[in-house]
Amino acid sequence: MPEPSPKPKVLVADDERVIADTLAMILNQSGFEARAVYTGEKALELAPEFKPEMLISDVIMADLNGIDAAIKIRELLPSIKILLFSGQAATADLLEKARAQGYDFEILAKPVHPQDLLNKLRSVK
């Protein structure tokens, strides 16, 4: 009998703990192995050992914003899929800066409905 395939690993980063924990819980109940962290720095610290296939990150966080964290994590894990979300207008400027550096990230607006997030996860490249 073949080994069951491992669950896709997802790292969730959001400085709003309730959001990070809730997303991780929904993902864990939906066939993923998800871990929540509450800062961009912590996401960057955990990524090399956890080796997620996907990063879901808030953009605006106090220490290291989600776009900069995504860029640094992509350098460590080149095949990682990245999905960013934000509830703030300042995101557009950060996104333009990342695009100028050759990074094109998809951003979902907060609040994200769990089913929309799961659908998006299955389609992100």
N, C-alpha and C. Protein backbone atom coordinates (compact mmCIF):
# COMPACT_ATOMS: atom_id res chain seq x y z
N MET A 1 0.84 -1.18 0.00
CA MET A 1 0.00 0.00 0.00
C MET A 1 0.89 1.25 0.00
N PRO A 2 0.60 2.24 -0.85
CA PRO A 2 1.46 3.43 -0.89
C PRO A 2 1.34 4.26 0.39
N GLU A 3 2.43 4.91 0.72
CA GLU A 3 2.41 5.82 1.88
C GLU A 3 1.43 6.95 1.61
N PRO A 4 0.68 7.38 2.61
CA PRO A 4 -0.18 8.55 2.37
C PRO A 4 0.71 9.76 2.09
N SER A 5 0.29 10.58 1.15
CA SER A 5 1.13 11.74 0.83
C SER A 5 1.10 12.71 2.00
N PRO A 6 2.25 13.32 2.28
CA PRO A 6 2.29 14.26 3.41
C PRO A 6 1.40 15.46 3.13
N LYS A 7 0.89 16.02 4.19
CA LYS A 7 0.05 17.21 4.04
C LYS A 7 0.91 18.39 3.58
N PRO A 8 0.38 19.21 2.67
CA PRO A 8 1.13 20.41 2.28
C PRO A 8 1.33 21.31 3.50
N LYS A 9 2.54 21.82 3.66
CA LYS A 9 2.86 22.68 4.79
C LYS A 9 2.62 24.14 4.44
N VAL A 10 1.95 24.83 5.34
CA VAL A 10 1.64 26.25 5.13
C VAL A 10 2.08 27.03 6.37
N LEU A 11 2.81 28.10 6.13
CA LEU A 11 3.22 29.01 7.20
C LEU A 11 2.33 30.24 7.11
N VAL A 12 1.65 30.56 8.22
CA VAL A 12 0.76 31.72 8.27
C VAL A 12 1.39 32.78 9.17
N ALA A 13 1.57 33.99 8.62
CA ALA A 13 2.17 35.08 9.40
C ALA A 13 1.20 36.26 9.44
N ASP A 14 0.81 36.64 10.63
CA ASP A 14 -0.05 37.81 10.82
C ASP A 14 0.16 38.33 12.23
N ASP A 15 0.35 39.63 12.37
CA ASP A 15 0.58 40.19 13.71
C ASP A 15 -0.72 40.24 14.52
N GLU A 16 -1.85 39.99 13.88
CA GLU A 16 -3.10 39.83 14.64
C GLU A 16 -3.23 38.34 14.94
N ARG A 17 -2.90 37.99 16.20
CA ARG A 17 -2.83 36.58 16.59
C ARG A 17 -4.11 35.81 16.31
N VAL A 18 -5.25 36.44 16.52
CA VAL A 18 -6.53 35.75 16.30
C VAL A 18 -6.64 35.33 14.83
N ILE A 19 -6.23 36.20 13.93
CA ILE A 19 -6.30 35.90 12.50
C ILE A 19 -5.32 34.77 12.16
N ALA A 20 -4.07 34.89 12.61
CA ALA A 20 -3.07 33.86 12.31
C ALA A 20 -3.51 32.50 12.85
N ASP A 21 -3.95 32.48 14.11
CA ASP A 21 -4.35 31.22 14.74
C ASP A 21 -5.58 30.63 14.06
N THR A 22 -6.55 31.48 13.71
CA THR A 22 -7.77 31.00 13.07
C THR A 22 -7.47 30.43 11.69
N LEU A 23 -6.65 31.13 10.90
CA LEU A 23 -6.29 30.62 9.58
C LEU A 23 -5.56 29.29 9.69
N ALA A 24 -4.63 29.19 10.62
CA ALA A 24 -3.89 27.94 10.80
C ALA A 24 -4.85 26.82 11.19
N MET A 25 -5.80 27.11 12.07
CA MET A 25 -6.76 26.10 12.50
C MET A 25 -7.61 25.62 11.31
N ILE A 26 -8.11 26.57 10.52
CA ILE A 26 -8.92 26.23 9.34
C ILE A 26 -8.10 25.36 8.37
N LEU A 27 -6.86 25.77 8.14
CA LEU A 27 -6.00 25.01 7.22
C LEU A 27 -5.71 23.61 7.75
N ASN A 28 -5.44 23.50 9.05
CA ASN A 28 -5.17 22.19 9.65
C ASN A 28 -6.39 21.28 9.53
N GLN A 29 -7.58 21.85 9.62
CA GLN A 29 -8.81 21.05 9.50
C GLN A 29 -9.15 20.75 8.04
N SER A 30 -8.41 21.38 7.10
CA SER A 30 -8.73 21.23 5.68
C SER A 30 -7.64 20.48 4.92
N GLY A 31 -6.84 19.70 5.63
CA GLY A 31 -5.87 18.85 4.96
C GLY A 31 -4.48 19.42 4.81
N PHE A 32 -4.20 20.52 5.50
CA PHE A 32 -2.86 21.11 5.45
C PHE A 32 -2.19 20.93 6.81
N GLU A 33 -0.88 21.07 6.83
CA GLU A 33 -0.15 21.18 8.09
C GLU A 33 0.26 22.64 8.19
N ALA A 34 -0.43 23.39 9.04
CA ALA A 34 -0.20 24.83 9.12
C ALA A 34 0.36 25.22 10.48
N ARG A 35 1.24 26.22 10.44
CA ARG A 35 1.76 26.82 11.67
C ARG A 35 1.57 28.32 11.59
N ALA A 36 1.24 28.90 12.73
CA ALA A 36 1.03 30.35 12.80
C ALA A 36 2.20 31.02 13.50
N VAL A 37 2.63 32.15 12.94
CA VAL A 37 3.61 33.01 13.59
C VAL A 37 3.05 34.43 13.55
N TYR A 38 3.60 35.30 14.40
CA TYR A 38 2.97 36.61 14.59
C TYR A 38 3.84 37.78 14.15
N THR A 39 4.98 37.48 13.51
CA THR A 39 5.84 38.54 12.99
C THR A 39 6.50 38.06 11.70
N GLY A 40 6.91 39.00 10.88
CA GLY A 40 7.66 38.65 9.68
C GLY A 40 8.99 38.01 10.02
N GLU A 41 9.64 38.53 11.08
CA GLU A 41 10.92 37.97 11.52
C GLU A 41 10.77 36.51 11.92
N LYS A 42 9.69 36.20 12.64
CA LYS A 42 9.47 34.82 13.09
C LYS A 42 9.21 33.91 11.89
N ALA A 43 8.50 34.43 10.88
CA ALA A 43 8.25 33.64 9.67
C ALA A 43 9.58 33.31 8.99
N LEU A 44 10.46 34.31 8.92
CA LEU A 44 11.77 34.13 8.30
C LEU A 44 12.62 33.14 9.10
N GLU A 45 12.48 33.17 10.42
CA GLU A 45 13.23 32.28 11.31
C GLU A 45 12.74 30.83 11.17
N LEU A 46 11.41 30.64 11.09
CA LEU A 46 10.83 29.31 11.07
C LEU A 46 10.89 28.64 9.69
N ALA A 47 10.85 29.43 8.64
CA ALA A 47 10.76 28.87 7.28
C ALA A 47 11.84 27.83 6.95
N PRO A 48 13.13 28.08 7.26
CA PRO A 48 14.15 27.10 6.86
C PRO A 48 13.98 25.74 7.54
N GLU A 49 13.48 25.71 8.79
CA GLU A 49 13.33 24.41 9.46
C GLU A 49 11.99 23.76 9.16
N PHE A 50 10.91 24.55 9.03
CA PHE A 50 9.57 24.01 8.76
C PHE A 50 9.43 23.63 7.28
N LYS A 51 10.12 24.37 6.40
CA LYS A 51 10.10 24.15 4.95
C LYS A 51 8.67 24.10 4.38
N PRO A 52 7.92 25.19 4.55
CA PRO A 52 6.55 25.19 4.02
C PRO A 52 6.53 25.25 2.50
N GLU A 53 5.48 24.68 1.92
CA GLU A 53 5.27 24.82 0.48
C GLU A 53 4.62 26.16 0.16
N MET A 54 3.96 26.75 1.20
CA MET A 54 3.26 28.00 0.98
C MET A 54 3.39 28.92 2.19
N LEU A 55 3.49 30.21 1.89
CA LEU A 55 3.47 31.25 2.91
C LEU A 55 2.21 32.08 2.68
N ILE A 56 1.44 32.25 3.73
CA ILE A 56 0.31 33.19 3.70
C ILE A 56 0.66 34.26 4.72
N SER A 57 0.77 35.50 4.27
CA SER A 57 1.25 36.54 5.18
C SER A 57 0.46 37.82 5.04
N ASP A 58 0.23 38.45 6.18
CA ASP A 58 -0.28 39.81 6.20
C ASP A 58 0.84 40.68 5.65
N VAL A 59 0.50 41.78 5.02
CA VAL A 59 1.53 42.66 4.48
C VAL A 59 2.06 43.60 5.55
N ILE A 60 1.17 44.28 6.24
CA ILE A 60 1.60 45.30 7.21
C ILE A 60 1.78 44.68 8.59
N MET A 61 3.05 44.50 8.96
CA MET A 61 3.38 43.99 10.30
C MET A 61 4.48 44.88 10.86
N ALA A 62 4.57 44.93 12.18
CA ALA A 62 5.44 45.90 12.85
C ALA A 62 6.93 45.74 12.54
N ASP A 63 7.44 44.51 12.58
CA ASP A 63 8.90 44.36 12.47
C ASP A 63 9.37 44.26 11.02
N LEU A 64 8.92 43.26 10.31
CA LEU A 64 9.33 43.02 8.94
C LEU A 64 8.04 42.85 8.15
N ASN A 65 7.80 43.72 7.17
CA ASN A 65 6.51 43.62 6.48
C ASN A 65 6.45 42.32 5.67
N GLY A 66 5.24 41.92 5.33
CA GLY A 66 5.01 40.64 4.68
C GLY A 66 5.67 40.52 3.32
N ILE A 67 5.78 41.62 2.60
CA ILE A 67 6.42 41.56 1.28
C ILE A 67 7.91 41.32 1.43
N ASP A 68 8.56 42.06 2.34
CA ASP A 68 10.00 41.85 2.55
C ASP A 68 10.26 40.43 3.09
N ALA A 69 9.39 39.97 4.00
CA ALA A 69 9.54 38.60 4.52
C ALA A 69 9.38 37.59 3.39
N ALA A 70 8.40 37.82 2.51
CA ALA A 70 8.16 36.90 1.38
C ALA A 70 9.38 36.85 0.46
N ILE A 71 9.97 38.00 0.18
CA ILE A 71 11.15 38.05 -0.69
C ILE A 71 12.30 37.26 -0.07
N LYS A 72 12.53 37.48 1.23
CA LYS A 72 13.64 36.78 1.91
C LYS A 72 13.38 35.28 1.99
N ILE A 73 12.13 34.90 2.25
CA ILE A 73 11.79 33.47 2.35
C ILE A 73 11.90 32.82 0.97
N ARG A 74 11.50 33.53 -0.08
CA ARG A 74 11.61 32.98 -1.44
C ARG A 74 13.08 32.75 -1.79
N GLU A 75 13.98 33.60 -1.26
CA GLU A 75 15.42 33.39 -1.50
C GLU A 75 15.89 32.09 -0.84
N LEU A 76 15.31 31.75 0.32
CA LEU A 76 15.67 30.53 1.03
C LEU A 76 14.98 29.30 0.43
N LEU A 77 13.72 29.48 0.02
CA LEU A 77 12.90 28.39 -0.50
C LEU A 77 12.33 28.82 -1.85
N PRO A 78 13.11 28.70 -2.92
CA PRO A 78 12.72 29.25 -4.23
C PRO A 78 11.39 28.74 -4.78
N SER A 79 10.95 27.55 -4.39
CA SER A 79 9.71 27.01 -4.97
C SER A 79 8.47 27.34 -4.13
N ILE A 80 8.64 28.09 -3.02
CA ILE A 80 7.51 28.38 -2.14
C ILE A 80 6.46 29.22 -2.88
N LYS A 81 5.19 28.87 -2.62
CA LYS A 81 4.07 29.66 -3.13
C LYS A 81 3.77 30.73 -2.09
N ILE A 82 3.43 31.92 -2.55
CA ILE A 82 3.22 33.03 -1.62
C ILE A 82 1.89 33.69 -1.89
N LEU A 83 1.12 33.86 -0.82
CA LEU A 83 -0.16 34.55 -0.90
C LEU A 83 -0.16 35.60 0.21
N LEU A 84 -0.31 36.85 -0.18
CA LEU A 84 -0.32 37.94 0.79
C LEU A 84 -1.73 38.47 0.94
N PHE A 85 -2.01 39.02 2.12
CA PHE A 85 -3.30 39.68 2.30
C PHE A 85 -3.12 40.91 3.15
N SER A 86 -4.03 41.87 2.95
CA SER A 86 -3.90 43.12 3.67
C SER A 86 -5.23 43.83 3.76
N GLY A 87 -5.38 44.58 4.82
CA GLY A 87 -6.56 45.40 4.98
C GLY A 87 -6.21 46.88 4.89
N GLN A 88 -4.98 47.18 4.45
CA GLN A 88 -4.52 48.57 4.49
C GLN A 88 -4.08 49.08 3.13
N ALA A 89 -4.30 50.36 2.91
CA ALA A 89 -3.99 50.99 1.63
C ALA A 89 -2.49 51.10 1.37
N ALA A 90 -1.67 51.15 2.40
CA ALA A 90 -0.22 51.30 2.23
C ALA A 90 0.39 50.13 1.45
N THR A 91 -0.37 49.06 1.35
CA THR A 91 0.10 47.86 0.65
C THR A 91 0.48 48.15 -0.79
N ALA A 92 -0.26 48.99 -1.48
CA ALA A 92 -0.01 49.25 -2.90
C ALA A 92 1.40 49.73 -3.16
N ASP A 93 1.91 50.63 -2.33
CA ASP A 93 3.27 51.15 -2.50
C ASP A 93 4.30 50.04 -2.31
N LEU A 94 4.10 49.22 -1.28
CA LEU A 94 5.03 48.12 -1.02
C LEU A 94 5.02 47.11 -2.16
N LEU A 95 3.83 46.87 -2.70
CA LEU A 95 3.68 45.92 -3.80
C LEU A 95 4.39 46.43 -5.05
N GLU A 96 4.26 47.71 -5.31
CA GLU A 96 4.93 48.30 -6.48
C GLU A 96 6.45 48.19 -6.35
N LYS A 97 6.95 48.42 -5.14
CA LYS A 97 8.38 48.32 -4.88
C LYS A 97 8.86 46.88 -5.15
N ALA A 98 8.09 45.90 -4.69
CA ALA A 98 8.44 44.49 -4.89
C ALA A 98 8.40 44.16 -6.38
N ARG A 99 7.40 44.67 -7.09
CA ARG A 99 7.30 44.40 -8.54
C ARG A 99 8.50 44.99 -9.27
N ALA A 100 8.95 46.15 -8.81
CA ALA A 100 10.11 46.78 -9.44
C ALA A 100 11.36 45.91 -9.25
N GLN A 101 11.36 45.10 -8.19
CA GLN A 101 12.50 44.20 -7.92
C GLN A 101 12.29 42.83 -8.59
N GLY A 102 11.19 42.69 -9.33
CA GLY A 102 10.95 41.44 -10.05
C GLY A 102 10.10 40.43 -9.30
N TYR A 103 9.45 40.84 -8.23
CA TYR A 103 8.58 39.94 -7.47
C TYR A 103 7.14 40.34 -7.71
N ASP A 104 6.31 39.38 -8.11
CA ASP A 104 4.91 39.68 -8.35
C ASP A 104 4.08 38.79 -7.43
N PHE A 105 3.57 39.36 -6.36
CA PHE A 105 2.80 38.60 -5.39
C PHE A 105 1.32 38.90 -5.54
N GLU A 106 0.51 37.90 -5.29
CA GLU A 106 -0.93 38.11 -5.31
C GLU A 106 -1.37 38.54 -3.91
N ILE A 107 -2.28 39.50 -3.86
CA ILE A 107 -2.75 39.99 -2.57
C ILE A 107 -4.25 39.85 -2.47
N LEU A 108 -4.71 39.28 -1.37
CA LEU A 108 -6.13 39.19 -1.07
C LEU A 108 -6.47 40.30 -0.08
N ALA A 109 -7.66 40.87 -0.21
CA ALA A 109 -8.09 41.89 0.73
C ALA A 109 -8.64 41.23 1.99
N LYS A 110 -8.33 41.80 3.14
CA LYS A 110 -8.90 41.34 4.41
C LYS A 110 -10.27 41.99 4.56
N PRO A 111 -11.21 41.39 5.22
CA PRO A 111 -11.17 40.02 5.74
C PRO A 111 -11.33 38.99 4.61
N VAL A 112 -10.66 37.87 4.77
CA VAL A 112 -10.72 36.80 3.78
C VAL A 112 -11.68 35.73 4.28
N HIS A 113 -12.64 35.38 3.46
CA HIS A 113 -13.55 34.29 3.84
C HIS A 113 -12.77 32.98 3.74
N PRO A 114 -12.91 32.09 4.75
CA PRO A 114 -12.12 30.85 4.74
C PRO A 114 -12.26 30.04 3.45
N GLN A 115 -13.46 29.94 2.89
CA GLN A 115 -13.62 29.16 1.66
C GLN A 115 -12.89 29.81 0.49
N ASP A 116 -12.93 31.15 0.44
CA ASP A 116 -12.20 31.86 -0.61
C ASP A 116 -10.70 31.60 -0.48
N LEU A 117 -10.22 31.58 0.76
CA LEU A 117 -8.80 31.33 0.99
C LEU A 117 -8.42 29.92 0.54
N LEU A 118 -9.23 28.94 0.91
CA LEU A 118 -8.94 27.56 0.53
C LEU A 118 -8.95 27.41 -0.99
N ASN A 119 -9.92 28.03 -1.66
CA ASN A 119 -9.97 27.99 -3.13
C ASN A 119 -8.71 28.62 -3.72
N LYS A 120 -8.29 29.75 -3.15
CA LYS A 120 -7.12 30.47 -3.65
C LYS A 120 -5.86 29.62 -3.44
N LEU A 121 -5.76 28.95 -2.29
CA LEU A 121 -4.60 28.11 -2.00
C LEU A 121 -4.41 27.03 -3.05
N ARG A 122 -5.52 26.50 -3.51
CA ARG A 122 -5.44 25.40 -4.49
C ARG A 122 -5.04 25.91 -5.87
N SER A 123 -5.11 27.24 -6.09
CA SER A 123 -4.82 27.75 -7.42
C SER A 123 -3.54 28.59 -7.51
N VAL A 124 -2.93 28.90 -6.38
CA VAL A 124 -1.74 29.75 -6.38
C VAL A 124 -0.55 29.02 -7.00
N LYS A 125 0.21 29.73 -7.78
CA LYS A 125 1.40 29.15 -8.41
C LYS A 125 2.62 29.39 -7.55
